[in-house]
Amino acid sequence: MKLRAEVIIVGGGVTGISTAIHLKELGVEDVIILERHFIGSGQSGRAAGIIRGTANHPTVSAAQLEGQMFLHTFESRYGIPIRINKTGYILVGQASEREHIEATIAAASQVGCQSKEITAYEVKELQPGLNTEEGGIYVYEPGGLYVDPMPTVHAFLLAARHLGVRVIEGCEVGDILVRDDNVFGVECAMGVFEVPKVMIATSVWGQPQLAKLGIDVPVCPHIAEMGFFQVPTNSSHRLHRIIFDSRANLYMRPEGEFQLFVGRKEREFVESNGEQIDPDNYRQTANFHSLQEIHQNLQVTLPFMRNGFVHRTYACTYDSTPDDMPILDKAASVGGLYFAIGFSGGGFSSSPWVGKRMATFIAEEAKPGDMDLFNKERFAKGELIRWSNTPTDYN
């Protein structure tokens, strides 16, 4: 069977769908998404769904703010509602991190993020039960928000289909076909598509796909572990805000009224030369010792969670890069081959920004200037992106 398209996107997560939406809005007629499982079945459906503009790099902050705006205007643009939880974001830092955190506020402010330092009294008003201590630093971003990831992914999907994107689930991709150093087709479960442009947006599976074509990207799989914790029944406290606490190396957000979604600062646990990970075969729940450590650290942030308990857990595979930022580029050796991978767990929040720029890159064959920061060659040149809102060692 021979099939045709103008652009094929391999991978049906938020990055692929967002790119497809923007391609259609740029006038590309025939866009197809090929997803081997169901839409959002990878990292997208397991994201925290947090979008906050507080970041120590103006471009990274701008990408997050564009994500916030995209969600806020989504229903008016596409007629599809998304439930947005605008709780605000609190950054808790330590006295030794003051210089770095002040630089974070300054970088974010350059692009319009409303982050500001607040007092211990003010932060306790925003989040009763938060552990405050002498010398602590507290930053608040009122626009910080979160969404439920899977309903949001499917809102994106409805918008894409309404615009005319063809979405084919249960369609595993085999080889990307190349002739005279240019893409000319894609083998998949349906047959062979003839197509001049292909974008790989398959998370951790993208690295071996590209390696088959002689393209080496520094992306390694990493298992991230998260937990949903229940507030103890005898506590009147609840989590009201999104919080990152550098004392505990944890981030968290509300999950309904009585639960907290809690994850770790995963950079501390990435082992690029560690045990080989099979992204198709791993334990998809957090292990006991990880949860025990998360629970102990959670009490540093919220002492009232001492008697809280694990409600449920999960684990998922991150496609990690050396600086936890994605690779948004095209192949130098294969014409028509583009890729957006290596999001290191942060792809959900940046997907509107990334999708818009990757669509422009593909349709107009010119890389947007603000996207060049995320080029593939930065690792070989030692030009890692320094963006973390508290000090992080990327060595």
Protein backbone atom coordinates (compact mmCIF):
# COMPACT_ATOMS: atom_id res chain seq x y z
CA MET A 1 0.00 0.00 0.00
CA LYS A 2 1.35 3.43 -0.95
CA LEU A 3 0.17 6.49 0.94
CA ARG A 4 1.18 10.14 0.71
CA ALA A 5 1.52 13.19 2.96
CA GLU A 6 3.31 16.54 3.01
CA VAL A 7 4.59 16.10 6.57
CA ILE A 8 4.55 13.08 8.86
CA ILE A 9 5.05 13.47 12.58
CA VAL A 10 6.17 10.31 14.33
CA GLY A 11 4.85 10.37 17.90
CA GLY A 12 1.45 11.37 19.24
CA GLY A 13 2.36 13.28 22.39
CA VAL A 14 1.76 16.97 23.08
CA THR A 15 4.85 18.08 21.12
CA GLY A 16 3.81 16.20 17.99
CA ILE A 17 0.17 17.31 18.20
CA SER A 18 1.11 20.93 18.90
CA THR A 19 3.43 20.92 15.88
CA ALA A 20 0.68 19.47 13.71
CA ILE A 21 -1.79 22.16 14.84
CA HIS A 22 0.66 24.92 13.98
CA LEU A 23 1.57 23.33 10.63
CA LYS A 24 -2.09 23.43 9.63
CA GLU A 25 -2.35 27.04 10.76
CA LEU A 26 0.63 27.84 8.52
CA GLY A 27 -1.24 26.38 5.55
CA VAL A 28 0.34 22.93 5.26
CA GLU A 29 -2.45 20.86 3.73
CA ASP A 30 -1.65 17.23 4.49
CA VAL A 31 -0.24 16.51 7.96
CA ILE A 32 -0.28 13.04 9.49
CA ILE A 33 0.57 11.91 13.03
CA LEU A 34 1.62 8.27 13.40
CA GLU A 35 1.38 6.89 16.95
CA ARG A 36 2.26 3.31 17.68
CA HIS A 37 -0.01 3.11 20.74
CA PHE A 38 -2.70 5.63 21.71
CA ILE A 39 -2.36 9.40 21.84
CA GLY A 40 -0.62 10.59 25.01
CA SER A 41 0.44 7.09 26.07
CA GLY A 42 4.07 8.10 26.67
CA GLN A 43 5.41 10.93 28.79
CA SER A 44 2.61 13.33 27.87
CA GLY A 45 -0.06 11.44 29.76
CA ARG A 46 2.17 11.10 32.81
CA ALA A 47 3.31 14.69 33.07
CA ALA A 48 2.79 16.83 36.15
CA GLY A 49 0.99 19.36 33.96
CA ILE A 50 2.75 22.30 35.67
CA ILE A 51 3.59 25.44 33.70
CA ARG A 52 5.55 28.16 35.49
CA GLY A 53 7.57 30.96 33.99
CA THR A 54 10.12 31.19 36.79
CA ALA A 55 13.36 30.00 35.16
CA ASN A 56 16.93 31.26 35.09
CA HIS A 57 16.98 31.84 31.33
CA PRO A 58 14.80 34.34 29.46
CA THR A 59 14.12 32.03 26.50
CA VAL A 60 13.12 29.13 28.75
CA SER A 61 10.91 31.47 30.77
CA ALA A 62 9.34 32.89 27.60
CA ALA A 63 8.53 29.37 26.39
CA GLN A 64 6.70 28.63 29.63
CA LEU A 65 4.77 31.91 29.53
CA GLU A 66 3.71 31.17 25.96
CA GLY A 67 2.47 27.79 27.18
CA GLN A 68 0.38 29.49 29.87
CA MET A 69 -1.12 31.90 27.34
CA PHE A 70 -1.83 29.11 24.84
CA LEU A 71 -3.87 27.24 27.44
CA HIS A 72 -5.71 30.36 28.60
CA THR A 73 -6.75 31.18 25.02
CA PHE A 74 -7.29 27.60 23.84
CA GLU A 75 -11.07 27.52 24.22
CA SER A 76 -11.55 30.87 22.47
CA ARG A 77 -9.33 29.72 19.58
CA TYR A 78 -10.59 26.17 19.11
CA GLY A 79 -13.89 25.99 20.98
CA ILE A 80 -12.65 23.21 23.24
CA PRO A 81 -12.53 23.78 27.02
CA ILE A 82 -9.51 22.93 29.16
CA ARG A 83 -9.75 23.09 32.95
CA ILE A 84 -6.92 25.34 34.15
CA ASN A 85 -5.88 25.44 37.80
CA LYS A 86 -4.24 28.81 38.30
CA THR A 87 -2.88 28.28 41.79
CA GLY A 88 0.37 30.24 41.51
CA TYR A 89 3.87 28.87 41.94
CA ILE A 90 6.06 29.13 45.04
CA LEU A 91 9.83 28.66 44.92
CA VAL A 92 11.43 27.95 48.30
CA GLY A 93 15.17 28.48 48.40
CA GLN A 94 17.98 28.54 50.92
CA ALA A 95 20.10 31.48 52.01
CA SER A 96 23.15 30.10 50.20
CA GLU A 97 21.18 30.22 46.93
CA ARG A 98 20.24 33.89 47.11
CA GLU A 99 22.49 35.11 44.30
CA HIS A 100 21.25 32.42 41.94
CA ILE A 101 17.58 32.95 42.81
CA GLU A 102 17.86 36.71 42.36
CA ALA A 103 19.34 36.05 38.92
CA THR A 104 16.40 33.73 38.20
CA ILE A 105 13.88 36.45 39.08
CA ALA A 106 15.78 38.94 36.89
CA ALA A 107 15.93 36.55 33.90
CA ALA A 108 12.24 35.71 34.13
CA SER A 109 11.29 39.37 34.57
CA GLN A 110 13.00 40.21 31.25
CA VAL A 111 10.21 38.42 29.40
CA GLY A 112 7.30 39.51 31.56
CA CYS A 113 7.11 36.83 34.23
CA GLN A 114 5.65 38.34 37.42
CA SER A 115 7.87 36.41 39.86
CA LYS A 116 8.84 38.33 42.96
CA GLU A 117 10.41 37.65 46.31
CA ILE A 118 7.96 37.64 49.21
CA THR A 119 8.31 37.39 52.98
CA ALA A 120 7.91 34.35 55.19
CA TYR A 121 4.69 35.87 56.51
CA GLU A 122 3.31 36.32 52.99
CA VAL A 123 4.21 32.82 51.91
CA LYS A 124 2.51 31.35 55.00
CA GLU A 125 -0.61 33.25 54.00
CA LEU A 126 -0.43 31.73 50.54
CA GLN A 127 0.31 28.23 51.81
CA PRO A 128 -0.63 27.55 55.45
CA GLY A 129 1.44 24.78 56.97
CA LEU A 130 4.53 25.53 54.88
CA ASN A 131 7.79 25.20 56.81
CA THR A 132 9.51 28.58 56.89
CA GLU A 133 12.86 29.15 58.52
CA GLU A 134 15.23 32.00 59.19
CA GLY A 135 17.20 32.96 56.10
CA GLY A 136 14.81 31.18 53.76
CA ILE A 137 14.00 32.70 50.35
CA TYR A 138 10.45 32.67 48.99
CA VAL A 139 9.47 33.58 45.45
CA TYR A 140 5.91 33.74 44.16
CA GLU A 141 4.66 33.66 40.56
CA PRO A 142 0.90 34.34 40.53
CA GLY A 143 0.47 32.99 36.98
CA GLY A 144 1.79 29.51 37.75
CA LEU A 145 -0.78 26.88 36.77
CA TYR A 146 -1.36 23.20 36.24
CA VAL A 147 -3.73 21.09 34.18
CA ASP A 148 -4.69 17.43 34.14
CA PRO A 149 -2.39 16.13 31.40
CA MET A 150 -4.51 13.52 29.59
CA PRO A 151 -7.67 15.63 29.13
CA THR A 152 -5.38 18.41 27.89
CA VAL A 153 -3.64 16.11 25.41
CA HIS A 154 -7.03 15.07 24.08
CA ALA A 155 -8.18 18.67 23.81
CA PHE A 156 -5.10 19.24 21.62
CA LEU A 157 -6.05 16.13 19.64
CA LEU A 158 -9.61 17.38 19.01
CA ALA A 159 -8.25 20.72 17.83
CA ALA A 160 -5.79 18.99 15.48
CA ARG A 161 -8.47 16.77 13.97
CA HIS A 162 -10.82 19.73 13.57
CA LEU A 163 -8.09 21.48 11.57
CA GLY A 164 -7.74 18.45 9.34
CA VAL A 165 -4.74 16.62 10.81
CA ARG A 166 -4.93 12.89 10.16
CA VAL A 167 -4.10 10.97 13.34
CA ILE A 168 -3.41 7.25 13.06
CA GLU A 169 -3.11 5.31 16.33
CA GLY A 170 -1.80 1.78 16.67
CA CYS A 171 0.60 2.41 13.79
CA GLU A 172 4.19 1.59 14.65
CA VAL A 173 6.83 3.19 12.46
CA GLY A 174 9.70 1.14 11.09
CA ASP A 175 12.34 2.71 8.88
CA ILE A 176 12.59 6.29 7.69
CA LEU A 177 13.37 5.83 3.99
CA VAL A 178 16.16 7.91 2.48
CA ARG A 179 17.18 8.34 -1.14
CA ASP A 180 19.93 10.65 -2.42
CA ASP A 181 20.40 11.94 1.15
CA ASN A 182 16.75 13.06 1.42
CA VAL A 183 13.73 11.61 3.15
CA PHE A 184 11.27 10.11 0.69
CA GLY A 185 9.16 7.75 2.79
CA VAL A 186 8.18 6.13 6.05
CA GLU A 187 7.53 2.43 6.62
CA CYS A 188 4.79 1.73 9.14
CA ALA A 189 2.16 -0.84 10.06
CA MET A 190 -0.14 0.51 7.31
CA GLY A 191 2.43 0.26 4.56
CA VAL A 192 4.74 2.87 3.04
CA PHE A 193 3.97 6.58 3.14
CA GLU A 194 5.62 8.74 0.50
CA VAL A 195 6.59 11.96 2.27
CA PRO A 196 9.33 14.58 1.83
CA LYS A 197 9.42 15.79 5.44
CA VAL A 198 9.38 13.81 8.69
CA MET A 199 9.59 14.99 12.28
CA ILE A 200 10.65 12.57 15.02
CA ALA A 201 8.86 13.38 18.29
CA THR A 202 9.06 10.03 20.02
CA SER A 203 10.73 10.88 23.31
CA VAL A 204 13.26 8.27 24.41
CA TRP A 205 12.50 6.11 21.36
CA GLY A 206 13.79 8.89 19.10
CA GLN A 207 17.46 8.24 19.87
CA PRO A 208 17.56 4.74 18.35
CA GLN A 209 15.38 5.88 15.43
CA LEU A 210 17.90 8.58 14.60
CA ALA A 211 20.89 6.31 15.26
CA LYS A 212 19.70 4.00 12.46
CA LEU A 213 20.27 6.94 10.11
CA GLY A 214 23.72 7.69 11.52
CA ILE A 215 22.56 10.64 13.62
CA ASP A 216 23.89 10.63 17.18
CA VAL A 217 21.98 12.60 19.82
CA PRO A 218 23.01 12.69 23.52
CA VAL A 219 19.70 11.40 24.86
CA CYS A 220 19.54 8.65 27.45
CA PRO A 221 16.56 6.99 29.14
CA HIS A 222 15.97 7.74 32.80
CA ILE A 223 13.25 6.32 35.04
CA ALA A 224 11.50 9.10 36.97
CA GLU A 225 9.45 8.17 40.03
CA MET A 226 6.47 10.08 41.41
CA GLY A 227 3.92 9.62 44.16
CA PHE A 228 0.45 10.79 45.06
CA PHE A 229 0.30 11.42 48.79
CA GLN A 230 -2.85 11.69 50.89
CA VAL A 231 -3.20 14.40 53.54
CA PRO A 232 -3.68 12.78 56.98
CA THR A 233 -7.32 12.65 58.03
CA ASN A 234 -6.68 14.60 61.25
CA SER A 235 -5.08 17.58 59.45
CA SER A 236 -6.93 20.72 58.45
CA HIS A 237 -4.13 21.74 56.07
CA ARG A 238 -4.30 21.28 52.32
CA LEU A 239 -1.85 21.98 49.50
CA HIS A 240 -3.10 25.07 47.66
CA ARG A 241 -0.12 26.02 45.46
CA ILE A 242 2.46 24.56 43.14
CA ILE A 243 5.72 24.42 45.11
CA PHE A 244 9.35 23.67 44.40
CA ASP A 245 11.48 23.44 47.54
CA SER A 246 15.25 23.25 47.06
CA ARG A 247 15.67 22.12 50.68
CA ALA A 248 13.80 18.93 49.83
CA ASN A 249 14.58 18.76 46.09
CA LEU A 250 10.87 18.19 45.52
CA TYR A 251 8.15 19.76 43.43
CA MET A 252 4.46 19.31 44.15
CA ARG A 253 0.99 20.40 43.18
CA PRO A 254 -2.53 19.73 44.45
CA GLU A 255 -4.35 16.65 43.21
CA GLY A 256 -7.96 17.27 44.13
CA GLU A 257 -8.63 18.46 47.66
CA PHE A 258 -6.91 15.81 49.76
CA GLN A 259 -3.95 14.67 47.68
CA LEU A 260 -0.57 15.95 46.47
CA PHE A 261 1.28 15.02 43.32
CA VAL A 262 4.97 14.92 44.33
CA GLY A 263 8.06 14.47 42.17
CA ARG A 264 11.81 14.81 42.65
CA LYS A 265 14.36 17.06 40.99
CA GLU A 266 15.33 14.28 38.62
CA ARG A 267 18.69 15.78 37.59
CA GLU A 268 20.03 14.50 40.93
CA PHE A 269 19.25 10.91 39.89
CA VAL A 270 20.17 10.71 36.20
CA GLU A 271 22.97 8.22 35.47
CA SER A 272 24.04 8.49 31.83
CA ASN A 273 26.38 5.52 32.22
CA GLY A 274 24.20 3.56 34.62
CA GLU A 275 22.22 0.36 34.17
CA GLN A 276 20.74 -0.06 30.70
CA ILE A 277 17.05 0.88 30.62
CA ASP A 278 14.54 -0.66 28.24
CA PRO A 279 11.78 1.96 27.80
CA ASP A 280 9.38 -0.80 26.72
CA ASN A 281 10.03 -3.00 29.73
CA TYR A 282 10.44 -1.43 33.15
CA ARG A 283 8.61 -1.30 36.46
CA GLN A 284 5.97 1.41 36.11
CA THR A 285 5.52 2.09 39.82
CA ALA A 286 7.94 3.86 42.14
CA ASN A 287 10.06 1.63 44.37
CA PHE A 288 9.76 1.62 48.14
CA HIS A 289 13.04 3.34 48.96
CA SER A 290 12.35 6.19 46.56
CA LEU A 291 8.93 6.75 48.08
CA GLN A 292 10.35 6.58 51.58
CA GLU A 293 12.89 9.27 50.71
CA ILE A 294 10.26 11.43 48.99
CA HIS A 295 8.00 11.17 52.03
CA GLN A 296 10.79 12.13 54.41
CA ASN A 297 11.71 15.13 52.27
CA LEU A 298 8.07 16.11 51.86
CA GLN A 299 7.92 16.66 55.62
CA VAL A 300 10.70 19.24 55.26
CA THR A 301 8.37 21.32 53.10
CA LEU A 302 5.04 20.46 54.71
CA PRO A 303 5.46 19.16 58.27
CA PHE A 304 1.75 18.31 58.43
CA MET A 305 2.44 15.49 55.93
CA ARG A 306 4.33 13.50 58.56
CA ASN A 307 1.35 11.20 58.96
CA GLY A 308 0.31 11.46 55.35
CA PHE A 309 0.49 8.30 53.27
CA VAL A 310 1.11 7.08 49.74
CA HIS A 311 -2.11 6.85 47.80
CA ARG A 312 -0.62 5.57 44.53
CA THR A 313 2.58 5.84 42.52
CA TYR A 314 3.93 5.64 39.02
CA ALA A 315 7.19 5.75 37.10
CA CYS A 316 7.87 6.81 33.53
CA THR A 317 10.82 7.04 31.18
CA TYR A 318 12.36 10.46 30.60
CA ASP A 319 14.45 11.20 27.52
CA SER A 320 17.23 13.03 29.35
CA THR A 321 19.91 15.29 27.87
CA PRO A 322 23.02 16.62 29.64
CA ASP A 323 21.33 19.97 30.39
CA ASP A 324 17.71 18.75 30.72
CA MET A 325 16.72 20.86 27.72
CA PRO A 326 15.41 19.48 24.41
CA ILE A 327 17.13 19.11 21.07
CA LEU A 328 15.11 20.94 18.41
CA ASP A 329 16.91 20.58 15.10
CA LYS A 330 17.12 18.97 11.68
CA ALA A 331 19.54 16.39 10.36
CA ALA A 332 22.57 17.79 8.56
CA SER A 333 23.06 14.57 6.59
CA VAL A 334 19.43 13.79 5.68
CA GLY A 335 17.28 16.43 4.02
CA GLY A 336 13.72 16.74 5.29
CA LEU A 337 14.37 15.03 8.66
CA TYR A 338 13.53 17.06 11.77
CA PHE A 339 13.50 16.08 15.44
CA ALA A 340 12.23 17.37 18.77
CA ILE A 341 13.41 15.07 21.55
CA GLY A 342 15.29 15.10 24.86
CA PHE A 343 12.71 17.00 26.90
CA SER A 344 13.86 15.41 30.18
CA GLY A 345 10.35 15.52 31.62
CA GLY A 346 9.66 19.13 30.61
CA GLY A 347 8.02 18.68 27.22
CA PHE A 348 4.44 19.18 28.31
CA SER A 349 4.88 22.74 29.53
CA SER A 350 6.88 23.91 26.52
CA SER A 351 4.87 22.10 23.83
CA PRO A 352 2.92 25.16 22.51
CA TRP A 353 6.17 27.14 22.11
CA VAL A 354 8.04 24.20 20.60
CA GLY A 355 5.18 23.20 18.31
CA LYS A 356 4.84 26.69 16.87
CA ARG A 357 8.55 26.99 16.11
CA MET A 358 9.07 23.46 14.81
CA ALA A 359 6.11 24.04 12.47
CA THR A 360 7.73 27.23 11.17
CA PHE A 361 11.07 25.41 10.80
CA ILE A 362 9.44 22.62 8.77
CA ALA A 363 7.05 24.71 6.66
CA GLU A 364 9.38 27.61 5.89
CA GLU A 365 12.69 25.68 6.08
CA ALA A 366 14.22 28.38 8.24
CA LYS A 367 14.94 27.93 11.93
CA PRO A 368 13.36 30.61 14.15
CA GLY A 369 16.12 32.59 15.85
CA ASP A 370 14.96 31.97 19.41
CA MET A 371 14.94 28.21 18.78
CA ASP A 372 18.61 27.98 17.80
CA LEU A 373 19.51 27.81 21.50
CA PHE A 374 18.30 24.20 21.43
CA ASN A 375 20.53 23.02 18.59
CA LYS A 376 22.12 19.58 18.60
CA GLU A 377 25.71 20.80 18.42
CA ARG A 378 25.65 22.72 21.72
CA PHE A 379 26.76 19.66 23.67
CA ALA A 380 29.89 19.08 21.57
CA LYS A 381 30.69 22.80 21.90
CA GLY A 382 30.21 22.81 25.67
CA GLU A 383 27.38 25.35 25.38
CA LEU A 384 24.91 23.77 27.77
CA ILE A 385 21.80 25.77 28.63
CA ARG A 386 21.88 27.01 32.24
CA TRP A 387 18.27 27.52 33.19
CA SER A 388 17.48 25.96 36.56
CA ASN A 389 15.83 28.26 39.11
CA THR A 390 18.15 26.98 41.85
CA PRO A 391 21.80 25.91 41.49
CA THR A 392 22.24 22.69 39.50
CA ASP A 393 25.41 20.80 38.60
CA TYR A 394 25.20 19.63 34.96
CA ASN A 395 28.60 17.98 35.04
